[in-house]
Amino acid sequence: MLIDDGKLVWSMYESDGRHEFSSIKLYDLVNGIEINLRTSEGVGVSRFSDPNIHGDYVVWSEDSLKAAGETEGVYLYSIKENKVYKLSDKGTSPNVWGSSVVWIEGNNKLVLYNIKNKKEVDIPTYSKEVWAISLNKDYVTWYSSEYNMKVYNIQKNETNIINVPVISGATIYGDILTWVQEEGKRAIPKFLLLYK
């Protein structure tokens, strides 16, 4: 469940053993309106990932319950247009900030998609596995199996590797990059202000 600008989004899955039901919901806290963004009912329905929201956009991925792990695609909902778009036939764990969407393909490929010009860019990850994507208007970061930080600069199209002993994170909140690193036998929260 996530909230942005007075709008709450979440996914749900229910089953009674014979019937399955999945949905993505948006609740407008200001106007008291609930919107069902996407629903799947029946046997072997699609399951939705946890959605992410920023500004006018909600993103999520779907996979089939019939073929576990088979990805069905990345989706975007435009609040302003009240319309769902399929961005990719493959991909998981999407995140959104402004007009940028990022998702994972396979174990170690990141794709950056610009909603306005519909262009895709493959982000060099230098990682065996990636997860927990976060981004802002200028940067993308992710957690990887190498236990260091990698930060991708969207404008320069380059990935910087920051060699610190990361044990959790890295996550971007606005213009602040946060992570937890190991110092001795202690886990110490750290942060860094991001500049262009």
C-alpha atoms as a PDB file:
ATOM      1  CA  MET A   1       0.000   0.000   0.000  1.00  0.00           C
ATOM      2  CA  LEU A   2       1.418   3.386  -1.023  1.00  0.00           C
ATOM      3  CA  ILE A   3       0.210   6.964  -0.819  1.00  0.00           C
ATOM      4  CA  ASP A   4       1.059  10.066  -2.865  1.00  0.00           C
ATOM      5  CA  ASP A   5      -0.715  13.419  -3.044  1.00  0.00           C
ATOM      6  CA  GLY A   6      -3.776  12.185  -1.156  1.00  0.00           C
ATOM      7  CA  LYS A   7      -4.159   9.028  -3.258  1.00  0.00           C
ATOM      8  CA  LEU A   8      -3.727   5.541  -1.836  1.00  0.00           C
ATOM      9  CA  VAL A   9      -3.033   2.467  -4.050  1.00  0.00           C
ATOM     10  CA  TRP A  10      -2.886  -1.237  -3.235  1.00  0.00           C
ATOM     11  CA  SER A  11      -3.287  -4.704  -4.755  1.00  0.00           C
ATOM     12  CA  MET A  12      -5.315  -7.587  -3.405  1.00  0.00           C
ATOM     13  CA  TYR A  13      -5.688 -11.303  -4.097  1.00  0.00           C
ATOM     14  CA  GLU A  14      -8.376 -13.603  -2.730  1.00  0.00           C
ATOM     15  CA  SER A  15      -9.158 -17.288  -3.249  1.00  0.00           C
ATOM     16  CA  ASP A  16     -11.669 -19.722  -1.778  1.00  0.00           C
ATOM     17  CA  GLY A  17      -9.941 -22.694  -3.427  1.00  0.00           C
ATOM     18  CA  ARG A  18     -12.283 -22.708  -6.441  1.00  0.00           C
ATOM     19  CA  HIS A  19     -12.502 -19.056  -7.416  1.00  0.00           C
ATOM     20  CA  GLU A  20      -9.694 -16.483  -7.587  1.00  0.00           C
ATOM     21  CA  PHE A  21      -9.935 -12.711  -7.616  1.00  0.00           C
ATOM     22  CA  SER A  22      -7.173 -10.100  -8.073  1.00  0.00           C
ATOM     23  CA  SER A  23      -7.444  -6.340  -8.290  1.00  0.00           C
ATOM     24  CA  ILE A  24      -5.589  -3.026  -8.176  1.00  0.00           C
ATOM     25  CA  LYS A  25      -7.386  -0.249  -6.284  1.00  0.00           C
ATOM     26  CA  LEU A  26      -6.940   3.509  -5.902  1.00  0.00           C
ATOM     27  CA  TYR A  27      -8.625   5.527  -3.154  1.00  0.00           C
ATOM     28  CA  ASP A  28      -8.799   9.327  -3.408  1.00  0.00           C
ATOM     29  CA  LEU A  29      -8.628  10.472   0.229  1.00  0.00           C
ATOM     30  CA  VAL A  30      -9.615  14.058  -0.601  1.00  0.00           C
ATOM     31  CA  ASN A  31     -12.784  13.199  -2.540  1.00  0.00           C
ATOM     32  CA  GLY A  32     -13.605   9.883  -0.829  1.00  0.00           C
ATOM     33  CA  ILE A  33     -13.713   7.962  -4.125  1.00  0.00           C
ATOM     34  CA  GLU A  34     -12.479   4.383  -4.683  1.00  0.00           C
ATOM     35  CA  ILE A  35     -11.495   3.376  -8.225  1.00  0.00           C
ATOM     36  CA  ASN A  36     -10.943  -0.200  -9.352  1.00  0.00           C
ATOM     37  CA  LEU A  37      -8.023   0.119 -11.811  1.00  0.00           C
ATOM     38  CA  ARG A  38      -7.898  -3.507 -12.940  1.00  0.00           C
ATOM     39  CA  THR A  39      -9.627  -6.762 -11.983  1.00  0.00           C
ATOM     40  CA  SER A  40      -9.072 -10.395 -12.865  1.00  0.00           C
ATOM     41  CA  GLU A  41     -11.530 -13.126 -11.830  1.00  0.00           C
ATOM     42  CA  GLY A  42     -11.778 -16.877 -12.371  1.00  0.00           C
ATOM     43  CA  VAL A  43      -9.433 -19.845 -12.256  1.00  0.00           C
ATOM     44  CA  GLY A  44      -5.793 -19.165 -13.154  1.00  0.00           C
ATOM     45  CA  VAL A  45      -6.196 -15.401 -13.105  1.00  0.00           C
ATOM     46  CA  SER A  46      -3.385 -12.888 -13.168  1.00  0.00           C
ATOM     47  CA  ARG A  47      -1.837 -11.720  -9.920  1.00  0.00           C
ATOM     48  CA  PHE A  48      -0.799  -8.093  -9.517  1.00  0.00           C
ATOM     49  CA  SER A  49       2.400  -6.819  -7.880  1.00  0.00           C
ATOM     50  CA  ASP A  50       2.311  -4.086  -5.258  1.00  0.00           C
ATOM     51  CA  PRO A  51       1.585  -0.874  -7.170  1.00  0.00           C
ATOM     52  CA  ASN A  52       3.636   2.320  -7.030  1.00  0.00           C
ATOM     53  CA  ILE A  53       2.221   5.814  -7.432  1.00  0.00           C
ATOM     54  CA  HIS A  54       3.654   9.248  -8.153  1.00  0.00           C
ATOM     55  CA  GLY A  55       1.707  12.277  -9.329  1.00  0.00           C
ATOM     56  CA  ASP A  56      -0.674  11.305 -12.142  1.00  0.00           C
ATOM     57  CA  TYR A  57       0.576   7.733 -12.615  1.00  0.00           C
ATOM     58  CA  VAL A  58       0.213   4.289 -11.025  1.00  0.00           C
ATOM     59  CA  VAL A  59       2.368   1.333 -12.171  1.00  0.00           C
ATOM     60  CA  TRP A  60       2.285  -2.412 -11.450  1.00  0.00           C
ATOM     61  CA  SER A  61       3.185  -5.746 -13.035  1.00  0.00           C
ATOM     62  CA  GLU A  62       1.070  -8.835 -13.600  1.00  0.00           C
ATOM     63  CA  ASP A  63       1.936 -12.499 -13.715  1.00  0.00           C
ATOM     64  CA  SER A  64      -0.154 -15.564 -14.442  1.00  0.00           C
ATOM     65  CA  LEU A  65      -1.177 -17.944 -11.688  1.00  0.00           C
ATOM     66  CA  LYS A  66      -1.301 -20.787 -14.241  1.00  0.00           C
ATOM     67  CA  ALA A  67       2.413 -20.445 -14.979  1.00  0.00           C
ATOM     68  CA  ALA A  68       4.076 -19.194 -11.809  1.00  0.00           C
ATOM     69  CA  GLY A  69       6.869 -16.777 -12.587  1.00  0.00           C
ATOM     70  CA  GLU A  70       5.712 -16.210 -16.172  1.00  0.00           C
ATOM     71  CA  THR A  71       5.477 -12.455 -16.416  1.00  0.00           C
ATOM     72  CA  GLU A  72       2.501 -11.016 -18.207  1.00  0.00           C
ATOM     73  CA  GLY A  73       3.662  -7.410 -18.328  1.00  0.00           C
ATOM     74  CA  VAL A  74       4.089  -3.933 -16.871  1.00  0.00           C
ATOM     75  CA  TYR A  75       1.074  -1.612 -16.733  1.00  0.00           C
ATOM     76  CA  LEU A  76       0.536   2.113 -16.192  1.00  0.00           C
ATOM     77  CA  TYR A  77      -2.678   3.850 -15.150  1.00  0.00           C
ATOM     78  CA  SER A  78      -3.075   7.543 -15.962  1.00  0.00           C
ATOM     79  CA  ILE A  79      -5.246   9.176 -13.284  1.00  0.00           C
ATOM     80  CA  LYS A  80      -5.883  12.209 -15.478  1.00  0.00           C
ATOM     81  CA  GLU A  81      -7.001  10.105 -18.476  1.00  0.00           C
ATOM     82  CA  ASN A  82      -8.616   7.310 -16.403  1.00  0.00           C
ATOM     83  CA  LYS A  83      -6.906   4.835 -18.745  1.00  0.00           C
ATOM     84  CA  VAL A  84      -4.653   1.752 -18.408  1.00  0.00           C
ATOM     85  CA  TYR A  85      -1.653   1.291 -20.735  1.00  0.00           C
ATOM     86  CA  LYS A  86       0.497  -1.819 -21.172  1.00  0.00           C
ATOM     87  CA  LEU A  87       4.145  -0.690 -21.273  1.00  0.00           C
ATOM     88  CA  SER A  88       5.880  -4.056 -21.686  1.00  0.00           C
ATOM     89  CA  ASP A  89       5.078  -7.733 -22.285  1.00  0.00           C
ATOM     90  CA  LYS A  90       7.727  -8.642 -19.726  1.00  0.00           C
ATOM     91  CA  GLY A  91       9.035  -7.072 -16.558  1.00  0.00           C
ATOM     92  CA  THR A  92       8.418  -6.963 -12.815  1.00  0.00           C
ATOM     93  CA  SER A  93       8.586  -4.595  -9.846  1.00  0.00           C
ATOM     94  CA  PRO A  94       7.978  -1.288 -11.660  1.00  0.00           C
ATOM     95  CA  ASN A  95       8.390   2.085  -9.989  1.00  0.00           C
ATOM     96  CA  VAL A  96       7.435   5.570 -11.213  1.00  0.00           C
ATOM     97  CA  TRP A  97       8.521   9.168 -10.658  1.00  0.00           C
ATOM     98  CA  GLY A  98       7.215  12.005 -12.808  1.00  0.00           C
ATOM     99  CA  SER A  99       7.260  10.771 -16.408  1.00  0.00           C
ATOM    100  CA  SER A 100       9.834   7.999 -15.772  1.00  0.00           C
ATOM    101  CA  VAL A 101       9.003   4.330 -15.163  1.00  0.00           C
ATOM    102  CA  VAL A 102      11.647   1.712 -14.322  1.00  0.00           C
ATOM    103  CA  TRP A 103      11.178  -2.064 -14.170  1.00  0.00           C
ATOM    104  CA  ILE A 104      13.235  -5.270 -13.926  1.00  0.00           C
ATOM    105  CA  GLU A 105      13.540  -7.780 -16.773  1.00  0.00           C
ATOM    106  CA  GLY A 106      15.061 -11.153 -15.923  1.00  0.00           C
ATOM    107  CA  ASN A 107      17.286 -11.005 -12.856  1.00  0.00           C
ATOM    108  CA  ASN A 108      19.612  -8.132 -13.685  1.00  0.00           C
ATOM    109  CA  LYS A 109      18.239  -5.921 -16.467  1.00  0.00           C
ATOM    110  CA  LEU A 110      16.623  -2.548 -15.717  1.00  0.00           C
ATOM    111  CA  VAL A 111      14.533  -0.707 -18.294  1.00  0.00           C
ATOM    112  CA  LEU A 112      13.829   3.042 -18.032  1.00  0.00           C
ATOM    113  CA  TYR A 113      10.708   4.188 -19.925  1.00  0.00           C
ATOM    114  CA  ASN A 114       9.773   7.798 -20.610  1.00  0.00           C
ATOM    115  CA  ILE A 115       5.961   8.162 -20.559  1.00  0.00           C
ATOM    116  CA  LYS A 116       5.984  11.375 -22.635  1.00  0.00           C
ATOM    117  CA  ASN A 117       8.221  10.328 -25.537  1.00  0.00           C
ATOM    118  CA  LYS A 118       7.629   6.543 -25.166  1.00  0.00           C
ATOM    119  CA  LYS A 119      11.378   5.790 -25.358  1.00  0.00           C
ATOM    120  CA  GLU A 120      13.047   2.885 -23.544  1.00  0.00           C
ATOM    121  CA  VAL A 121      16.642   2.843 -22.284  1.00  0.00           C
ATOM    122  CA  ASP A 122      18.451  -0.196 -20.873  1.00  0.00           C
ATOM    123  CA  ILE A 123      20.232   0.799 -17.657  1.00  0.00           C
ATOM    124  CA  PRO A 124      23.683  -0.761 -17.136  1.00  0.00           C
ATOM    125  CA  THR A 125      23.329  -2.451 -13.725  1.00  0.00           C
ATOM    126  CA  TYR A 126      26.714  -4.219 -13.301  1.00  0.00           C
ATOM    127  CA  SER A 127      24.796  -6.629 -11.046  1.00  0.00           C
ATOM    128  CA  LYS A 128      23.966 -10.339 -11.011  1.00  0.00           C
ATOM    129  CA  GLU A 129      20.589  -9.584  -9.454  1.00  0.00           C
ATOM    130  CA  VAL A 130      18.632  -6.373  -8.871  1.00  0.00           C
ATOM    131  CA  TRP A 131      15.571  -5.528  -6.803  1.00  0.00           C
ATOM    132  CA  ALA A 132      13.985  -2.697  -4.807  1.00  0.00           C
ATOM    133  CA  ILE A 133      14.146   0.007  -7.499  1.00  0.00           C
ATOM    134  CA  SER A 134      13.690   3.610  -6.452  1.00  0.00           C
ATOM    135  CA  LEU A 135      14.028   6.831  -8.419  1.00  0.00           C
ATOM    136  CA  ASN A 136      13.494  10.561  -8.622  1.00  0.00           C
ATOM    137  CA  LYS A 137      13.566  12.954 -11.599  1.00  0.00           C
ATOM    138  CA  ASP A 138      17.352  12.630 -12.024  1.00  0.00           C
ATOM    139  CA  TYR A 139      18.482   9.278 -10.588  1.00  0.00           C
ATOM    140  CA  VAL A 140      17.619   5.580 -10.354  1.00  0.00           C
ATOM    141  CA  THR A 141      19.024   3.266  -7.700  1.00  0.00           C
ATOM    142  CA  TRP A 142      18.507  -0.372  -6.737  1.00  0.00           C
ATOM    143  CA  TYR A 143      19.644  -3.004  -4.325  1.00  0.00           C
ATOM    144  CA  SER A 144      21.875  -5.749  -5.713  1.00  0.00           C
ATOM    145  CA  SER A 145      23.596  -8.971  -4.693  1.00  0.00           C
ATOM    146  CA  GLU A 146      27.011  -7.221  -4.687  1.00  0.00           C
ATOM    147  CA  TYR A 147      26.286  -5.308  -1.439  1.00  0.00           C
ATOM    148  CA  ASN A 148      27.368  -1.961  -2.847  1.00  0.00           C
ATOM    149  CA  MET A 149      25.346   0.969  -4.171  1.00  0.00           C
ATOM    150  CA  LYS A 150      24.719   1.730  -7.786  1.00  0.00           C
ATOM    151  CA  VAL A 151      23.200   5.035  -8.860  1.00  0.00           C
ATOM    152  CA  TYR A 152      22.152   5.705 -12.465  1.00  0.00           C
ATOM    153  CA  ASN A 153      22.125   9.308 -13.723  1.00  0.00           C
ATOM    154  CA  ILE A 154      19.189   9.627 -16.152  1.00  0.00           C
ATOM    155  CA  GLN A 155      20.491  12.729 -17.990  1.00  0.00           C
ATOM    156  CA  LYS A 156      24.071  11.449 -18.402  1.00  0.00           C
ATOM    157  CA  ASN A 157      23.011   7.809 -19.081  1.00  0.00           C
ATOM    158  CA  GLU A 158      25.694   6.467 -16.734  1.00  0.00           C
ATOM    159  CA  THR A 159      25.837   4.202 -13.697  1.00  0.00           C
ATOM    160  CA  ASN A 160      28.106   5.065 -10.770  1.00  0.00           C
ATOM    161  CA  ILE A 161      29.198   2.368  -8.335  1.00  0.00           C
ATOM    162  CA  ILE A 162      29.640   3.515  -4.727  1.00  0.00           C
ATOM    163  CA  ASN A 163      31.753   1.008  -2.823  1.00  0.00           C
ATOM    164  CA  VAL A 164      30.372   1.054   0.698  1.00  0.00           C
ATOM    165  CA  PRO A 165      29.321  -2.065   2.644  1.00  0.00           C
ATOM    166  CA  VAL A 166      25.564  -1.709   2.042  1.00  0.00           C
ATOM    167  CA  ILE A 167      23.385  -4.175   3.945  1.00  0.00           C
ATOM    168  CA  SER A 168      20.021  -2.534   3.181  1.00  0.00           C
ATOM    169  CA  GLY A 169      18.838   0.069   0.698  1.00  0.00           C
ATOM    170  CA  ALA A 170      19.660   2.115  -1.325  1.00  0.00           C
ATOM    171  CA  THR A 171      16.429   4.094  -1.558  1.00  0.00           C
ATOM    172  CA  ILE A 172      15.686   7.549  -2.926  1.00  0.00           C
ATOM    173  CA  TYR A 173      13.238   9.811  -1.087  1.00  0.00           C
ATOM    174  CA  GLY A 174      12.880  13.025  -3.080  1.00  0.00           C
ATOM    175  CA  ASP A 175      16.474  14.290  -3.371  1.00  0.00           C
ATOM    176  CA  ILE A 176      17.873  12.139  -0.544  1.00  0.00           C
ATOM    177  CA  LEU A 177      19.600   8.786  -1.063  1.00  0.00           C
ATOM    178  CA  THR A 178      19.398   6.555   2.021  1.00  0.00           C
ATOM    179  CA  TRP A 179      20.961   3.206   2.882  1.00  0.00           C
ATOM    180  CA  VAL A 180      22.151   1.131   5.819  1.00  0.00           C
ATOM    181  CA  GLN A 181      25.807   0.141   5.910  1.00  0.00           C
ATOM    182  CA  GLU A 182      27.841  -2.121   8.127  1.00  0.00           C
ATOM    183  CA  GLU A 183      30.400  -0.494  10.401  1.00  0.00           C
ATOM    184  CA  GLY A 184      32.117  -3.029  12.634  1.00  0.00           C
ATOM    185  CA  LYS A 185      29.239  -5.159  13.854  1.00  0.00           C
ATOM    186  CA  ARG A 186      26.707  -2.348  13.723  1.00  0.00           C
ATOM    187  CA  ALA A 187      24.120  -1.381  11.088  1.00  0.00           C
ATOM    188  CA  ILE A 188      24.319   2.403  10.609  1.00  0.00           C
ATOM    189  CA  PRO A 189      21.712   4.398   8.613  1.00  0.00           C
ATOM    190  CA  LYS A 190      23.304   6.836   6.156  1.00  0.00           C
ATOM    191  CA  PHE A 191      22.052   9.463   3.742  1.00  0.00           C
ATOM    192  CA  LEU A 192      23.365  11.616   0.926  1.00  0.00           C
ATOM    193  CA  LEU A 193      21.830  14.666  -0.742  1.00  0.00           C
ATOM    194  CA  LEU A 194      21.617  14.089  -4.506  1.00  0.00           C
ATOM    195  CA  TYR A 195      22.557  16.866  -6.908  1.00  0.00           C
ATOM    196  CA  LYS A 196      22.419  16.886 -10.698  1.00  0.00           C
END
